[in-house]
Amino acid sequence: MEVRFQGDWMEVLGCGVMEQELLNSAGAGNKAGWAFGLGLERLAMVLYGIPDIRLFWSQDDRFLKQFRVEDIKQPVCFQPLSKYPPLHNDISFWLPESGANEDGFTENDFYELVRSVGGDLVEKVSLVDQFTHAK
């Protein structure tokens, strides 16, 4: 069954014929099988803006606690989270004055260095604050 929601058709109450290999491995021989589901996860995905159905089977408390609210009428919107555990590192370093060396230094040079060393482990690199001493 499909329902129209916000101008698009969304499948709920999905069903279909099971693959024969699955039935064979379950010992059902050459019988036919049907699978069906309610599709409640799909509705929740749309209502709360959840991008991936696999999050519903997550044991990650960062996902689960987003839906624990004091008041049932309180609006809930999914906040994306990293696939890695939360970790915040602050790095500070000194740079010579601009123009002091011929090559110069840009923020992008540092971002590139971090990404080249950290690879896929680095999710975000950003300049949060900047301090220039008066002297």
N, C-alpha and C. Protein backbone atom coordinates (compact mmCIF):
# COMPACT_ATOMS: atom_id res chain seq x y z
N MET A 1 0.85 -1.17 0.00
CA MET A 1 0.00 0.00 0.00
C MET A 1 0.89 1.24 0.00
N GLU A 2 0.49 2.23 -0.72
CA GLU A 2 1.21 3.51 -0.75
C GLU A 2 0.27 4.61 -0.28
N VAL A 3 0.85 5.59 0.42
CA VAL A 3 0.07 6.75 0.86
C VAL A 3 0.73 8.00 0.29
N ARG A 4 -0.06 9.00 0.04
CA ARG A 4 0.47 10.26 -0.47
C ARG A 4 0.80 11.13 0.74
N PHE A 5 2.06 11.57 0.82
CA PHE A 5 2.50 12.38 1.96
C PHE A 5 3.39 13.49 1.44
N GLN A 6 3.02 14.74 1.69
CA GLN A 6 3.77 15.92 1.26
C GLN A 6 4.06 15.87 -0.23
N GLY A 7 3.08 15.46 -1.02
CA GLY A 7 3.21 15.48 -2.47
C GLY A 7 3.90 14.28 -3.09
N ASP A 8 4.39 13.33 -2.27
CA ASP A 8 5.07 12.15 -2.79
C ASP A 8 4.36 10.89 -2.31
N TRP A 9 4.52 9.82 -3.08
CA TRP A 9 3.99 8.53 -2.67
C TRP A 9 5.00 7.81 -1.81
N MET A 10 4.54 7.24 -0.70
CA MET A 10 5.41 6.54 0.22
C MET A 10 4.83 5.14 0.47
N GLU A 11 5.69 4.13 0.31
CA GLU A 11 5.24 2.76 0.50
C GLU A 11 5.16 2.43 1.99
N VAL A 12 4.01 1.93 2.40
CA VAL A 12 3.82 1.36 3.73
C VAL A 12 3.10 0.03 3.51
N LEU A 13 3.08 -0.83 4.48
CA LEU A 13 2.47 -2.15 4.32
C LEU A 13 3.07 -2.88 3.12
N GLY A 14 4.39 -2.79 2.98
CA GLY A 14 5.07 -3.43 1.85
C GLY A 14 5.04 -4.95 1.95
N CYS A 15 5.09 -5.60 0.80
CA CYS A 15 5.13 -7.05 0.78
C CYS A 15 5.79 -7.51 -0.51
N GLY A 16 6.13 -8.78 -0.57
CA GLY A 16 6.74 -9.33 -1.77
C GLY A 16 7.03 -10.80 -1.61
N VAL A 17 7.44 -11.42 -2.71
CA VAL A 17 7.77 -12.83 -2.72
C VAL A 17 9.21 -12.99 -2.20
N MET A 18 9.40 -13.97 -1.34
CA MET A 18 10.74 -14.22 -0.78
C MET A 18 11.62 -14.90 -1.82
N GLU A 19 12.91 -14.64 -1.76
CA GLU A 19 13.85 -15.27 -2.67
C GLU A 19 13.93 -16.77 -2.38
N GLN A 20 13.98 -17.58 -3.45
CA GLN A 20 13.97 -19.03 -3.31
C GLN A 20 15.18 -19.53 -2.51
N GLU A 21 16.32 -18.89 -2.68
CA GLU A 21 17.53 -19.30 -1.95
C GLU A 21 17.33 -19.21 -0.44
N LEU A 22 16.63 -18.18 0.00
CA LEU A 22 16.34 -18.00 1.42
C LEU A 22 15.43 -19.13 1.92
N LEU A 23 14.42 -19.47 1.14
CA LEU A 23 13.52 -20.55 1.52
C LEU A 23 14.25 -21.89 1.56
N ASN A 24 15.13 -22.12 0.59
CA ASN A 24 15.91 -23.36 0.56
C ASN A 24 16.79 -23.48 1.80
N SER A 25 17.45 -22.38 2.17
CA SER A 25 18.35 -22.43 3.33
C SER A 25 17.57 -22.61 4.63
N ALA A 26 16.29 -22.27 4.63
CA ALA A 26 15.45 -22.45 5.82
C ALA A 26 14.81 -23.83 5.86
N GLY A 27 15.08 -24.65 4.82
CA GLY A 27 14.54 -26.00 4.78
C GLY A 27 13.13 -26.08 4.24
N ALA A 28 12.67 -25.02 3.56
CA ALA A 28 11.31 -25.01 3.03
C ALA A 28 11.23 -25.63 1.64
N GLY A 29 12.34 -26.14 1.13
CA GLY A 29 12.34 -26.82 -0.17
C GLY A 29 11.92 -25.92 -1.30
N ASN A 30 11.00 -26.41 -2.12
CA ASN A 30 10.58 -25.63 -3.29
C ASN A 30 9.25 -24.91 -3.07
N LYS A 31 8.96 -24.57 -1.83
CA LYS A 31 7.73 -23.85 -1.51
C LYS A 31 7.91 -22.36 -1.80
N ALA A 32 6.83 -21.66 -1.95
CA ALA A 32 6.86 -20.20 -2.15
C ALA A 32 6.59 -19.52 -0.82
N GLY A 33 7.16 -18.36 -0.63
CA GLY A 33 6.95 -17.62 0.61
C GLY A 33 6.72 -16.15 0.34
N TRP A 34 5.94 -15.53 1.20
CA TRP A 34 5.66 -14.10 1.10
C TRP A 34 6.19 -13.41 2.36
N ALA A 35 6.66 -12.20 2.18
CA ALA A 35 7.11 -11.38 3.32
C ALA A 35 6.29 -10.09 3.32
N PHE A 36 6.01 -9.58 4.49
CA PHE A 36 5.26 -8.32 4.57
C PHE A 36 5.67 -7.57 5.83
N GLY A 37 5.40 -6.30 5.85
CA GLY A 37 5.72 -5.48 7.01
C GLY A 37 4.78 -4.29 7.08
N LEU A 38 4.73 -3.68 8.26
CA LEU A 38 3.85 -2.53 8.46
C LEU A 38 4.42 -1.24 7.92
N GLY A 39 5.73 -1.10 7.94
CA GLY A 39 6.34 0.12 7.43
C GLY A 39 6.31 1.27 8.41
N LEU A 40 6.19 0.99 9.70
CA LEU A 40 6.15 2.07 10.70
C LEU A 40 7.45 2.87 10.71
N GLU A 41 8.56 2.18 10.44
CA GLU A 41 9.85 2.89 10.42
C GLU A 41 9.86 3.96 9.34
N ARG A 42 9.28 3.64 8.19
CA ARG A 42 9.25 4.62 7.09
C ARG A 42 8.45 5.86 7.50
N LEU A 43 7.36 5.66 8.19
CA LEU A 43 6.57 6.80 8.66
C LEU A 43 7.38 7.64 9.65
N ALA A 44 8.04 6.97 10.58
CA ALA A 44 8.85 7.68 11.57
C ALA A 44 10.01 8.42 10.89
N MET A 45 10.59 7.81 9.85
CA MET A 45 11.68 8.46 9.12
C MET A 45 11.22 9.79 8.54
N VAL A 46 10.04 9.81 7.97
CA VAL A 46 9.51 11.03 7.37
C VAL A 46 9.14 12.04 8.45
N LEU A 47 8.47 11.57 9.49
CA LEU A 47 8.00 12.48 10.53
C LEU A 47 9.15 13.15 11.28
N TYR A 48 10.23 12.39 11.53
CA TYR A 48 11.34 12.92 12.33
C TYR A 48 12.57 13.29 11.51
N GLY A 49 12.54 13.10 10.20
CA GLY A 49 13.67 13.47 9.35
C GLY A 49 14.85 12.52 9.51
N ILE A 50 14.61 11.25 9.75
CA ILE A 50 15.69 10.27 9.94
C ILE A 50 16.11 9.75 8.57
N PRO A 51 17.40 9.88 8.21
CA PRO A 51 17.83 9.56 6.85
C PRO A 51 18.08 8.08 6.56
N ASP A 52 18.31 7.26 7.58
CA ASP A 52 18.72 5.87 7.34
C ASP A 52 17.93 4.94 8.26
N ILE A 53 17.23 3.98 7.68
CA ILE A 53 16.37 3.07 8.45
C ILE A 53 17.18 2.23 9.44
N ARG A 54 18.47 2.01 9.17
CA ARG A 54 19.29 1.18 10.06
C ARG A 54 19.49 1.81 11.43
N LEU A 55 19.27 3.12 11.54
CA LEU A 55 19.41 3.78 12.84
C LEU A 55 18.41 3.26 13.86
N PHE A 56 17.29 2.72 13.41
CA PHE A 56 16.28 2.20 14.34
C PHE A 56 16.79 1.00 15.13
N TRP A 57 17.77 0.30 14.62
CA TRP A 57 18.33 -0.86 15.31
C TRP A 57 19.64 -0.52 16.01
N SER A 58 19.94 0.76 16.09
CA SER A 58 21.17 1.22 16.72
C SER A 58 21.06 1.12 18.24
N GLN A 59 22.16 0.81 18.88
CA GLN A 59 22.23 0.82 20.34
C GLN A 59 22.88 2.12 20.82
N ASP A 60 23.15 3.04 19.89
CA ASP A 60 23.82 4.30 20.20
C ASP A 60 22.86 5.20 20.97
N ASP A 61 23.22 5.51 22.21
CA ASP A 61 22.36 6.32 23.06
C ASP A 61 22.18 7.74 22.51
N ARG A 62 23.16 8.21 21.70
CA ARG A 62 23.02 9.55 21.12
C ARG A 62 21.82 9.62 20.19
N PHE A 63 21.51 8.51 19.52
CA PHE A 63 20.31 8.46 18.67
C PHE A 63 19.06 8.31 19.52
N LEU A 64 19.08 7.36 20.42
CA LEU A 64 17.89 7.04 21.21
C LEU A 64 17.44 8.19 22.10
N LYS A 65 18.37 8.92 22.72
CA LYS A 65 17.96 9.97 23.67
C LYS A 65 17.32 11.17 22.98
N GLN A 66 17.46 11.28 21.64
CA GLN A 66 16.80 12.37 20.93
C GLN A 66 15.28 12.26 20.99
N PHE A 67 14.79 11.05 21.27
CA PHE A 67 13.35 10.82 21.23
C PHE A 67 12.75 10.65 22.63
N ARG A 68 13.55 10.90 23.65
CA ARG A 68 13.04 10.90 25.03
C ARG A 68 12.69 12.34 25.38
N VAL A 69 11.41 12.62 25.49
CA VAL A 69 10.97 13.99 25.77
C VAL A 69 10.07 14.01 27.00
N GLU A 70 10.06 15.15 27.64
CA GLU A 70 9.22 15.34 28.83
C GLU A 70 7.74 15.38 28.45
N ASP A 71 7.45 16.11 27.39
CA ASP A 71 6.06 16.33 26.98
C ASP A 71 5.84 15.68 25.61
N ILE A 72 4.83 14.86 25.49
CA ILE A 72 4.54 14.14 24.24
C ILE A 72 4.27 15.10 23.08
N LYS A 73 3.85 16.33 23.39
CA LYS A 73 3.55 17.31 22.34
C LYS A 73 4.79 18.09 21.91
N GLN A 74 5.91 17.86 22.57
CA GLN A 74 7.16 18.55 22.23
C GLN A 74 7.64 18.06 20.86
N PRO A 75 7.89 18.99 19.92
CA PRO A 75 8.34 18.57 18.60
C PRO A 75 9.73 17.94 18.66
N VAL A 76 9.95 16.90 17.86
CA VAL A 76 11.22 16.20 17.81
C VAL A 76 11.71 16.21 16.37
N CYS A 77 12.97 16.56 16.19
CA CYS A 77 13.59 16.50 14.86
C CYS A 77 14.94 15.84 15.01
N PHE A 78 15.20 14.84 14.22
CA PHE A 78 16.45 14.09 14.27
C PHE A 78 17.64 15.01 14.06
N GLN A 79 18.66 14.87 14.91
CA GLN A 79 19.91 15.60 14.76
C GLN A 79 20.97 14.60 14.29
N PRO A 80 21.57 14.85 13.13
CA PRO A 80 22.57 13.90 12.60
C PRO A 80 23.71 13.68 13.59
N LEU A 81 24.24 12.47 13.59
CA LEU A 81 25.36 12.17 14.46
C LEU A 81 26.41 11.41 13.68
N SER A 82 27.61 11.48 14.18
CA SER A 82 28.75 10.84 13.53
C SER A 82 28.67 9.33 13.68
N LYS A 83 29.27 8.62 12.74
CA LYS A 83 29.35 7.17 12.89
C LYS A 83 30.43 6.79 13.89
N TYR A 84 31.23 7.77 14.30
CA TYR A 84 32.28 7.56 15.29
C TYR A 84 31.84 8.11 16.64
N PRO A 85 32.38 7.59 17.74
CA PRO A 85 32.04 8.16 19.05
C PRO A 85 32.48 9.63 19.12
N PRO A 86 31.77 10.44 19.90
CA PRO A 86 32.12 11.86 19.97
C PRO A 86 33.52 12.07 20.53
N LEU A 87 34.27 12.96 19.89
CA LEU A 87 35.62 13.29 20.31
C LEU A 87 35.91 14.70 19.83
N HIS A 88 36.29 15.56 20.75
CA HIS A 88 36.58 16.95 20.39
C HIS A 88 38.03 17.24 20.74
N ASN A 89 38.78 17.73 19.78
CA ASN A 89 40.17 18.10 20.01
C ASN A 89 40.36 19.56 19.62
N ASP A 90 40.99 20.31 20.48
CA ASP A 90 41.36 21.67 20.15
C ASP A 90 42.85 21.70 19.90
N ILE A 91 43.25 22.38 18.85
CA ILE A 91 44.66 22.49 18.52
C ILE A 91 45.00 23.97 18.42
N SER A 92 46.05 24.36 19.09
CA SER A 92 46.53 25.74 19.00
C SER A 92 47.96 25.73 18.51
N PHE A 93 48.32 26.70 17.69
CA PHE A 93 49.70 26.79 17.23
C PHE A 93 50.00 28.23 16.84
N TRP A 94 51.29 28.51 16.81
CA TRP A 94 51.76 29.85 16.51
C TRP A 94 52.18 29.92 15.05
N LEU A 95 51.83 31.02 14.40
CA LEU A 95 52.25 31.23 13.01
C LEU A 95 52.97 32.56 12.93
N PRO A 96 53.99 32.64 12.10
CA PRO A 96 54.66 33.93 11.91
C PRO A 96 53.69 34.90 11.22
N GLU A 97 54.04 36.19 11.30
CA GLU A 97 53.20 37.21 10.68
C GLU A 97 53.03 36.93 9.19
N SER A 98 51.88 37.33 8.66
CA SER A 98 51.68 37.19 7.22
C SER A 98 52.75 37.99 6.48
N GLY A 99 53.29 37.41 5.45
CA GLY A 99 54.32 38.08 4.68
C GLY A 99 55.71 37.85 5.24
N ALA A 100 55.82 37.24 6.44
CA ALA A 100 57.13 36.99 7.02
C ALA A 100 57.88 35.92 6.24
N ASN A 101 57.13 34.96 5.70
CA ASN A 101 57.80 34.01 4.82
C ASN A 101 57.15 34.10 3.44
N GLU A 102 57.87 33.68 2.44
CA GLU A 102 57.41 33.85 1.07
C GLU A 102 56.20 32.96 0.75
N ASP A 103 56.18 31.78 1.34
CA ASP A 103 55.12 30.84 1.02
C ASP A 103 53.78 31.25 1.61
N GLY A 104 53.79 31.91 2.75
CA GLY A 104 52.55 32.27 3.42
C GLY A 104 51.89 31.02 4.00
N PHE A 105 50.80 31.20 4.66
CA PHE A 105 50.08 30.07 5.24
C PHE A 105 48.60 30.41 5.22
N THR A 106 47.78 29.50 4.76
CA THR A 106 46.33 29.73 4.75
C THR A 106 45.67 28.64 5.59
N GLU A 107 44.46 28.92 6.02
CA GLU A 107 43.71 27.93 6.81
C GLU A 107 43.58 26.62 6.03
N ASN A 108 43.39 26.75 4.73
CA ASN A 108 43.20 25.57 3.91
C ASN A 108 44.43 24.65 3.93
N ASP A 109 45.64 25.22 4.10
CA ASP A 109 46.85 24.40 4.21
C ASP A 109 46.74 23.45 5.41
N PHE A 110 46.25 23.99 6.52
CA PHE A 110 46.11 23.18 7.72
C PHE A 110 45.02 22.12 7.55
N TYR A 111 43.89 22.52 6.98
CA TYR A 111 42.80 21.57 6.74
C TYR A 111 43.29 20.40 5.88
N GLU A 112 44.04 20.73 4.85
CA GLU A 112 44.57 19.71 3.95
C GLU A 112 45.51 18.76 4.68
N LEU A 113 46.35 19.31 5.56
CA LEU A 113 47.29 18.50 6.34
C LEU A 113 46.53 17.53 7.25
N VAL A 114 45.51 18.02 7.94
CA VAL A 114 44.73 17.17 8.84
C VAL A 114 44.04 16.05 8.06
N ARG A 115 43.44 16.40 6.94
CA ARG A 115 42.73 15.38 6.14
C ARG A 115 43.69 14.37 5.52
N SER A 116 44.89 14.79 5.16
CA SER A 116 45.85 13.85 4.57
C SER A 116 46.35 12.86 5.62
N VAL A 117 46.47 13.28 6.87
CA VAL A 117 46.93 12.39 7.93
C VAL A 117 45.76 11.56 8.47
N GLY A 118 44.61 12.19 8.71
CA GLY A 118 43.48 11.51 9.34
C GLY A 118 42.60 10.73 8.39
N GLY A 119 42.63 11.04 7.12
CA GLY A 119 41.81 10.33 6.13
C GLY A 119 40.33 10.36 6.46
N ASP A 120 39.69 9.19 6.36
CA ASP A 120 38.24 9.09 6.58
C ASP A 120 37.84 9.26 8.04
N LEU A 121 38.81 9.20 8.96
CA LEU A 121 38.49 9.39 10.37
C LEU A 121 38.13 10.83 10.68
N VAL A 122 38.59 11.76 9.86
CA VAL A 122 38.32 13.18 10.08
C VAL A 122 37.00 13.53 9.40
N GLU A 123 36.06 13.97 10.20
CA GLU A 123 34.74 14.29 9.67
C GLU A 123 34.60 15.78 9.39
N LYS A 124 35.23 16.61 10.23
CA LYS A 124 35.07 18.05 10.05
C LYS A 124 36.29 18.76 10.62
N VAL A 125 36.78 19.73 9.87
CA VAL A 125 37.87 20.59 10.33
C VAL A 125 37.38 22.02 10.14
N SER A 126 37.42 22.81 11.20
CA SER A 126 36.96 24.19 11.07
C SER A 126 37.73 25.11 12.01
N LEU A 127 37.84 26.34 11.60
CA LEU A 127 38.44 27.37 12.43
C LEU A 127 37.35 27.92 13.33
N VAL A 128 37.52 27.76 14.64
CA VAL A 128 36.50 28.17 15.60
C VAL A 128 36.81 29.56 16.16
N ASP A 129 38.08 29.84 16.37
CA ASP A 129 38.46 31.10 16.99
C ASP A 129 39.83 31.51 16.48
N GLN A 130 40.10 32.78 16.57
CA GLN A 130 41.37 33.29 16.10
C GLN A 130 41.82 34.40 17.08
N PHE A 131 43.10 34.38 17.42
CA PHE A 131 43.63 35.38 18.34
C PHE A 131 44.90 35.96 17.74
N THR A 132 44.98 37.26 17.72
CA THR A 132 46.19 37.94 17.28
C THR A 132 46.65 38.84 18.42
N HIS A 133 47.86 38.58 18.92
CA HIS A 133 48.41 39.36 20.01
C HIS A 133 48.71 40.78 19.52
N ALA A 134 48.46 41.74 20.35
CA ALA A 134 48.63 43.15 19.95
C ALA A 134 50.07 43.48 19.60
N LYS A 135 51.04 42.82 20.22
CA LYS A 135 52.44 43.10 19.91
C LYS A 135 52.83 42.36 18.66
